[in-house]
């Protein structure tokens, strides 16, 4: 069952005697939002939040979402990263690179919402 998250489907194609795995977005109509990203982070406990955020950052349909991210959304996402020791800092930097008007308020809310270990 599909729960509104973008799904990746792998299929095999033959290319001059070689198997090639092609990954395609199945559900391109899901609007980028904090709730979609957080749901994806929560859904798959076997994939790091950093990898999930990286996948969404690399998806050009999410560029406007990241570019206009509010400080409160930024802080909320940081607060939901599971592996505070390693991934919180990396996720914060990864997302910050895409925010067009990154402000001190973004930093303050990331620090307030992040784990003590990254402060």
N, C-alpha and C. Protein backbone atom coordinates (compact mmCIF):
# COMPACT_ATOMS: atom_id res chain seq x y z
N UNK A 1 0.82 -1.20 0.00
CA UNK A 1 0.00 0.00 0.00
C UNK A 1 0.86 1.25 0.00
N UNK A 2 0.41 2.23 -0.70
CA UNK A 2 1.15 3.48 -0.84
C UNK A 2 0.61 4.48 0.17
N UNK A 3 1.48 5.11 0.92
CA UNK A 3 1.04 6.02 1.98
C UNK A 3 1.37 7.49 1.69
N UNK A 4 1.54 7.84 0.44
CA UNK A 4 1.78 9.23 0.09
C UNK A 4 3.24 9.61 -0.02
N UNK A 5 4.15 8.68 0.23
CA UNK A 5 5.57 8.96 0.12
C UNK A 5 6.05 8.60 -1.27
N UNK A 6 7.03 9.34 -1.77
CA UNK A 6 7.61 8.94 -3.06
C UNK A 6 8.23 7.56 -2.93
N UNK A 7 7.96 6.72 -3.87
CA UNK A 7 8.51 5.37 -3.85
C UNK A 7 9.53 5.24 -4.95
N UNK A 8 10.57 4.50 -4.68
CA UNK A 8 11.55 4.19 -5.71
C UNK A 8 11.32 2.77 -6.16
N UNK A 9 11.27 2.57 -7.44
CA UNK A 9 11.08 1.24 -7.99
C UNK A 9 12.28 0.90 -8.84
N UNK A 10 12.86 -0.23 -8.58
CA UNK A 10 13.99 -0.68 -9.38
C UNK A 10 13.49 -1.70 -10.39
N UNK A 11 13.94 -1.60 -11.61
CA UNK A 11 13.67 -2.62 -12.59
C UNK A 11 14.93 -2.82 -13.43
N UNK A 12 14.98 -3.96 -14.07
CA UNK A 12 16.17 -4.28 -14.87
C UNK A 12 15.91 -3.96 -16.33
N UNK A 13 16.89 -3.38 -16.98
CA UNK A 13 16.86 -3.16 -18.41
C UNK A 13 18.12 -3.77 -19.00
N UNK A 14 18.01 -4.33 -20.16
CA UNK A 14 19.17 -4.89 -20.85
C UNK A 14 19.78 -3.81 -21.73
N UNK A 15 21.08 -3.66 -21.63
CA UNK A 15 21.78 -2.69 -22.45
C UNK A 15 23.04 -3.35 -22.99
N UNK A 16 22.99 -3.77 -24.23
CA UNK A 16 24.12 -4.40 -24.89
C UNK A 16 24.75 -5.49 -24.03
N UNK A 17 23.90 -6.42 -23.58
CA UNK A 17 24.39 -7.57 -22.83
C UNK A 17 24.61 -7.33 -21.35
N UNK A 18 24.36 -6.13 -20.85
CA UNK A 18 24.56 -5.85 -19.44
C UNK A 18 23.22 -5.58 -18.77
N UNK A 19 23.09 -5.99 -17.51
CA UNK A 19 21.92 -5.64 -16.72
C UNK A 19 22.14 -4.26 -16.12
N UNK A 20 21.18 -3.39 -16.24
CA UNK A 20 21.25 -2.05 -15.67
C UNK A 20 20.05 -1.87 -14.77
N UNK A 21 20.26 -1.48 -13.54
CA UNK A 21 19.16 -1.21 -12.63
C UNK A 21 18.81 0.26 -12.74
N UNK A 22 17.56 0.53 -13.00
CA UNK A 22 17.09 1.90 -13.18
C UNK A 22 16.15 2.23 -12.04
N UNK A 23 16.39 3.34 -11.37
CA UNK A 23 15.51 3.77 -10.28
C UNK A 23 14.67 4.92 -10.78
N UNK A 24 13.37 4.80 -10.58
CA UNK A 24 12.46 5.84 -11.03
C UNK A 24 11.56 6.28 -9.89
N UNK A 25 11.21 7.55 -9.89
CA UNK A 25 10.21 8.06 -8.95
C UNK A 25 8.85 7.60 -9.45
N UNK A 26 8.10 6.91 -8.61
CA UNK A 26 6.80 6.43 -9.00
C UNK A 26 5.75 7.50 -8.75
N UNK A 27 5.89 8.21 -7.66
CA UNK A 27 4.85 9.15 -7.26
C UNK A 27 5.40 10.57 -7.28
N UNK A 28 5.45 11.15 -8.46
CA UNK A 28 5.98 12.50 -8.60
C UNK A 28 4.99 13.57 -8.19
N UNK A 29 3.75 13.19 -7.88
CA UNK A 29 2.74 14.18 -7.55
C UNK A 29 2.67 14.51 -6.07
N UNK A 30 3.55 13.93 -5.25
CA UNK A 30 3.58 14.24 -3.82
C UNK A 30 4.29 15.58 -3.65
N UNK A 31 3.57 16.54 -3.10
CA UNK A 31 4.13 17.88 -2.92
C UNK A 31 5.18 17.85 -1.80
N UNK A 32 6.35 18.43 -2.05
CA UNK A 32 7.38 18.51 -1.02
C UNK A 32 6.87 19.27 0.21
N UNK A 33 7.09 18.69 1.38
CA UNK A 33 6.65 19.33 2.62
C UNK A 33 7.44 18.74 3.79
N UNK A 34 7.38 19.43 4.90
CA UNK A 34 8.04 18.95 6.11
C UNK A 34 7.42 17.61 6.52
N UNK A 35 6.11 17.51 6.46
CA UNK A 35 5.45 16.28 6.89
C UNK A 35 5.84 15.08 6.04
N UNK A 36 6.00 15.26 4.73
CA UNK A 36 6.42 14.17 3.86
C UNK A 36 7.85 13.74 4.22
N UNK A 37 8.73 14.71 4.42
CA UNK A 37 10.12 14.40 4.77
C UNK A 37 10.19 13.70 6.13
N UNK A 38 9.49 14.21 7.12
CA UNK A 38 9.51 13.59 8.45
C UNK A 38 8.92 12.19 8.44
N UNK A 39 7.88 12.01 7.66
CA UNK A 39 7.26 10.68 7.54
C UNK A 39 8.25 9.70 6.93
N UNK A 40 8.99 10.13 5.92
CA UNK A 40 9.99 9.27 5.29
C UNK A 40 11.10 8.92 6.29
N UNK A 41 11.51 9.90 7.09
CA UNK A 41 12.57 9.66 8.08
C UNK A 41 12.10 8.67 9.14
N UNK A 42 10.85 8.77 9.53
CA UNK A 42 10.31 7.89 10.57
C UNK A 42 10.02 6.49 10.06
N UNK A 43 9.63 6.40 8.79
CA UNK A 43 9.15 5.14 8.22
C UNK A 43 10.22 4.07 8.13
N UNK A 44 11.41 4.41 7.72
CA UNK A 44 12.42 3.40 7.45
C UNK A 44 13.54 3.46 8.48
N UNK A 45 13.43 2.60 9.48
CA UNK A 45 14.41 2.58 10.57
C UNK A 45 15.75 2.00 10.13
N UNK A 46 15.78 1.34 8.98
CA UNK A 46 17.01 0.70 8.52
C UNK A 46 17.84 1.58 7.60
N UNK A 47 17.31 2.74 7.26
CA UNK A 47 18.03 3.71 6.42
C UNK A 47 18.27 4.94 7.28
N UNK A 48 19.49 5.44 7.27
CA UNK A 48 19.79 6.58 8.12
C UNK A 48 19.02 7.81 7.65
N UNK A 49 18.70 8.67 8.60
CA UNK A 49 18.02 9.92 8.26
C UNK A 49 18.87 10.76 7.32
N UNK A 50 20.17 10.69 7.47
CA UNK A 50 21.07 11.41 6.57
C UNK A 50 20.87 10.94 5.13
N UNK A 51 20.80 9.63 4.94
CA UNK A 51 20.60 9.10 3.59
C UNK A 51 19.24 9.51 3.02
N UNK A 52 18.23 9.52 3.85
CA UNK A 52 16.89 9.92 3.41
C UNK A 52 16.88 11.39 3.02
N UNK A 53 17.44 12.24 3.86
CA UNK A 53 17.48 13.67 3.55
C UNK A 53 18.32 13.90 2.29
N UNK A 54 19.41 13.19 2.16
CA UNK A 54 20.26 13.31 0.97
C UNK A 54 19.46 12.99 -0.29
N UNK A 55 18.66 11.94 -0.23
CA UNK A 55 17.84 11.56 -1.38
C UNK A 55 16.88 12.70 -1.77
N UNK A 56 16.26 13.32 -0.78
CA UNK A 56 15.33 14.41 -1.06
C UNK A 56 16.07 15.68 -1.51
N UNK A 57 17.23 15.94 -0.97
CA UNK A 57 18.02 17.10 -1.40
C UNK A 57 18.45 16.93 -2.86
N UNK A 58 18.74 15.71 -3.25
CA UNK A 58 19.16 15.45 -4.63
C UNK A 58 18.00 15.44 -5.62
N UNK A 59 16.78 15.44 -5.14
CA UNK A 59 15.60 15.46 -5.99
C UNK A 59 15.27 16.91 -6.32
N UNK A 60 15.46 17.31 -7.57
CA UNK A 60 15.28 18.71 -7.95
C UNK A 60 13.87 19.24 -7.72
N UNK A 61 12.89 18.36 -7.63
CA UNK A 61 11.53 18.83 -7.36
C UNK A 61 11.39 19.35 -5.94
N UNK A 62 12.38 19.12 -5.10
CA UNK A 62 12.37 19.60 -3.71
C UNK A 62 13.17 20.90 -3.54
N UNK A 63 13.80 21.41 -4.59
CA UNK A 63 14.64 22.60 -4.47
C UNK A 63 13.91 23.79 -3.87
N UNK A 64 12.71 24.07 -4.33
CA UNK A 64 11.95 25.22 -3.80
C UNK A 64 11.60 25.03 -2.33
N UNK A 65 11.31 23.79 -1.96
CA UNK A 65 11.01 23.50 -0.56
C UNK A 65 12.19 23.88 0.33
N UNK A 66 13.37 23.42 -0.03
CA UNK A 66 14.56 23.73 0.77
C UNK A 66 14.92 25.21 0.69
N UNK A 67 14.80 25.79 -0.49
CA UNK A 67 15.19 27.20 -0.67
C UNK A 67 14.39 28.13 0.23
N UNK A 68 13.13 27.81 0.46
CA UNK A 68 12.27 28.70 1.24
C UNK A 68 11.99 28.17 2.65
N UNK A 69 12.81 27.26 3.13
CA UNK A 69 12.56 26.64 4.44
C UNK A 69 12.63 27.66 5.57
N UNK A 70 11.62 27.62 6.40
CA UNK A 70 11.56 28.53 7.56
C UNK A 70 12.49 28.03 8.66
N UNK A 71 12.90 28.91 9.54
CA UNK A 71 13.73 28.49 10.67
C UNK A 71 13.03 27.43 11.54
N UNK A 72 11.72 27.57 11.75
CA UNK A 72 11.02 26.60 12.60
C UNK A 72 10.98 25.22 11.94
N UNK A 73 10.78 25.15 10.62
CA UNK A 73 10.81 23.86 9.93
C UNK A 73 12.21 23.26 9.98
N UNK A 74 13.20 24.09 9.81
CA UNK A 74 14.59 23.64 9.88
C UNK A 74 14.88 23.03 11.25
N UNK A 75 14.51 23.74 12.30
CA UNK A 75 14.72 23.23 13.66
C UNK A 75 13.95 21.95 13.92
N UNK A 76 12.73 21.86 13.40
CA UNK A 76 11.91 20.66 13.58
C UNK A 76 12.57 19.45 12.92
N UNK A 77 13.04 19.62 11.71
CA UNK A 77 13.69 18.51 11.02
C UNK A 77 14.93 18.06 11.78
N UNK A 78 15.73 19.00 12.24
CA UNK A 78 16.94 18.66 13.01
C UNK A 78 16.57 17.87 14.26
N UNK A 79 15.48 18.27 14.91
CA UNK A 79 15.07 17.60 16.14
C UNK A 79 14.64 16.15 15.91
N UNK A 80 14.27 15.80 14.70
CA UNK A 80 13.76 14.46 14.41
C UNK A 80 14.83 13.51 13.86
N UNK A 81 16.04 13.99 13.67
CA UNK A 81 17.12 13.13 13.18
C UNK A 81 17.50 12.15 14.28
N UNK A 82 17.47 10.87 13.95
CA UNK A 82 17.68 9.81 14.95
C UNK A 82 19.08 9.77 15.53
N UNK A 83 20.09 9.80 14.69
CA UNK A 83 21.46 9.62 15.15
C UNK A 83 22.10 10.98 15.42
N UNK A 84 21.88 11.48 16.64
CA UNK A 84 22.36 12.81 17.00
C UNK A 84 23.88 12.92 16.93
N UNK A 85 24.56 11.88 17.31
CA UNK A 85 26.02 11.91 17.37
C UNK A 85 26.64 12.20 16.00
N UNK A 86 26.09 11.62 14.97
CA UNK A 86 26.71 11.76 13.65
C UNK A 86 25.83 12.49 12.64
N UNK A 87 24.56 12.12 12.57
CA UNK A 87 23.72 12.60 11.48
C UNK A 87 23.12 13.98 11.67
N UNK A 88 22.85 14.40 12.90
CA UNK A 88 22.21 15.71 13.08
C UNK A 88 23.03 16.83 12.46
N UNK A 89 24.28 16.85 12.74
CA UNK A 89 25.16 17.90 12.22
C UNK A 89 25.21 17.85 10.69
N UNK A 90 25.35 16.65 10.15
CA UNK A 90 25.44 16.47 8.69
C UNK A 90 24.14 16.86 7.99
N UNK A 91 23.01 16.48 8.59
CA UNK A 91 21.71 16.86 8.03
C UNK A 91 21.54 18.37 8.07
N UNK A 92 21.94 18.98 9.16
CA UNK A 92 21.83 20.44 9.29
C UNK A 92 22.62 21.15 8.20
N UNK A 93 23.83 20.72 7.95
CA UNK A 93 24.68 21.33 6.92
C UNK A 93 24.09 21.08 5.54
N UNK A 94 23.67 19.86 5.29
CA UNK A 94 23.11 19.49 3.99
C UNK A 94 21.90 20.35 3.63
N UNK A 95 21.00 20.49 4.57
CA UNK A 95 19.80 21.30 4.33
C UNK A 95 20.16 22.78 4.22
N UNK A 96 21.04 23.26 5.09
CA UNK A 96 21.41 24.68 5.09
C UNK A 96 21.95 25.13 3.74
N UNK A 97 22.65 24.25 3.04
CA UNK A 97 23.20 24.61 1.73
C UNK A 97 22.11 24.95 0.72
N UNK A 98 20.90 24.43 0.93
CA UNK A 98 19.82 24.67 -0.01
C UNK A 98 18.92 25.84 0.37
N UNK A 99 19.07 26.37 1.59
CA UNK A 99 18.21 27.47 2.05
C UNK A 99 18.75 28.79 1.51
N UNK A 100 17.93 29.48 0.73
CA UNK A 100 18.40 30.72 0.10
C UNK A 100 18.67 31.84 1.10
N UNK A 101 17.80 32.02 2.05
CA UNK A 101 17.97 33.09 3.05
C UNK A 101 18.21 32.49 4.42
N UNK A 102 19.33 31.81 4.54
CA UNK A 102 19.70 31.18 5.81
C UNK A 102 20.08 32.26 6.80
N UNK A 103 19.40 32.28 7.95
CA UNK A 103 19.59 33.35 8.92
C UNK A 103 20.11 32.82 10.25
N UNK A 104 20.41 33.75 11.12
CA UNK A 104 20.82 33.39 12.48
C UNK A 104 19.70 32.63 13.19
N UNK A 105 18.46 32.96 12.84
CA UNK A 105 17.33 32.27 13.47
C UNK A 105 17.33 30.78 13.11
N UNK A 106 17.73 30.44 11.90
CA UNK A 106 17.86 29.03 11.52
C UNK A 106 18.86 28.35 12.45
N UNK A 107 19.99 28.99 12.68
CA UNK A 107 21.04 28.43 13.53
C UNK A 107 20.54 28.28 14.96
N UNK A 108 19.88 29.30 15.47
CA UNK A 108 19.37 29.26 16.85
C UNK A 108 18.40 28.11 17.03
N UNK A 109 17.46 27.95 16.09
CA UNK A 109 16.47 26.88 16.23
C UNK A 109 17.10 25.51 16.03
N UNK A 110 18.11 25.40 15.20
CA UNK A 110 18.82 24.13 15.06
C UNK A 110 19.51 23.77 16.37
N UNK A 111 20.15 24.75 16.98
CA UNK A 111 20.84 24.50 18.25
C UNK A 111 19.86 24.19 19.38
N UNK A 112 18.75 24.90 19.41
CA UNK A 112 17.74 24.65 20.45
C UNK A 112 17.10 23.28 20.29
N UNK A 113 16.93 22.84 19.06
CA UNK A 113 16.25 21.58 18.81
C UNK A 113 17.19 20.40 18.65
N UNK A 114 18.46 20.68 18.47
CA UNK A 114 19.43 19.60 18.32
C UNK A 114 19.79 18.98 19.65
N UNK A 115 20.39 17.85 19.57
CA UNK A 115 20.85 17.14 20.76
C UNK A 115 22.00 17.91 21.41
N UNK A 116 22.14 17.80 22.71
CA UNK A 116 23.22 18.48 23.43
C UNK A 116 24.60 18.14 22.89
N UNK A 117 24.74 16.96 22.32
CA UNK A 117 26.04 16.51 21.83
C UNK A 117 26.56 17.36 20.68
N UNK A 118 25.66 18.01 19.91
CA UNK A 118 26.13 18.80 18.78
C UNK A 118 26.29 20.27 19.09
N UNK A 119 25.96 20.68 20.27
CA UNK A 119 26.05 22.11 20.62
C UNK A 119 27.45 22.53 20.90
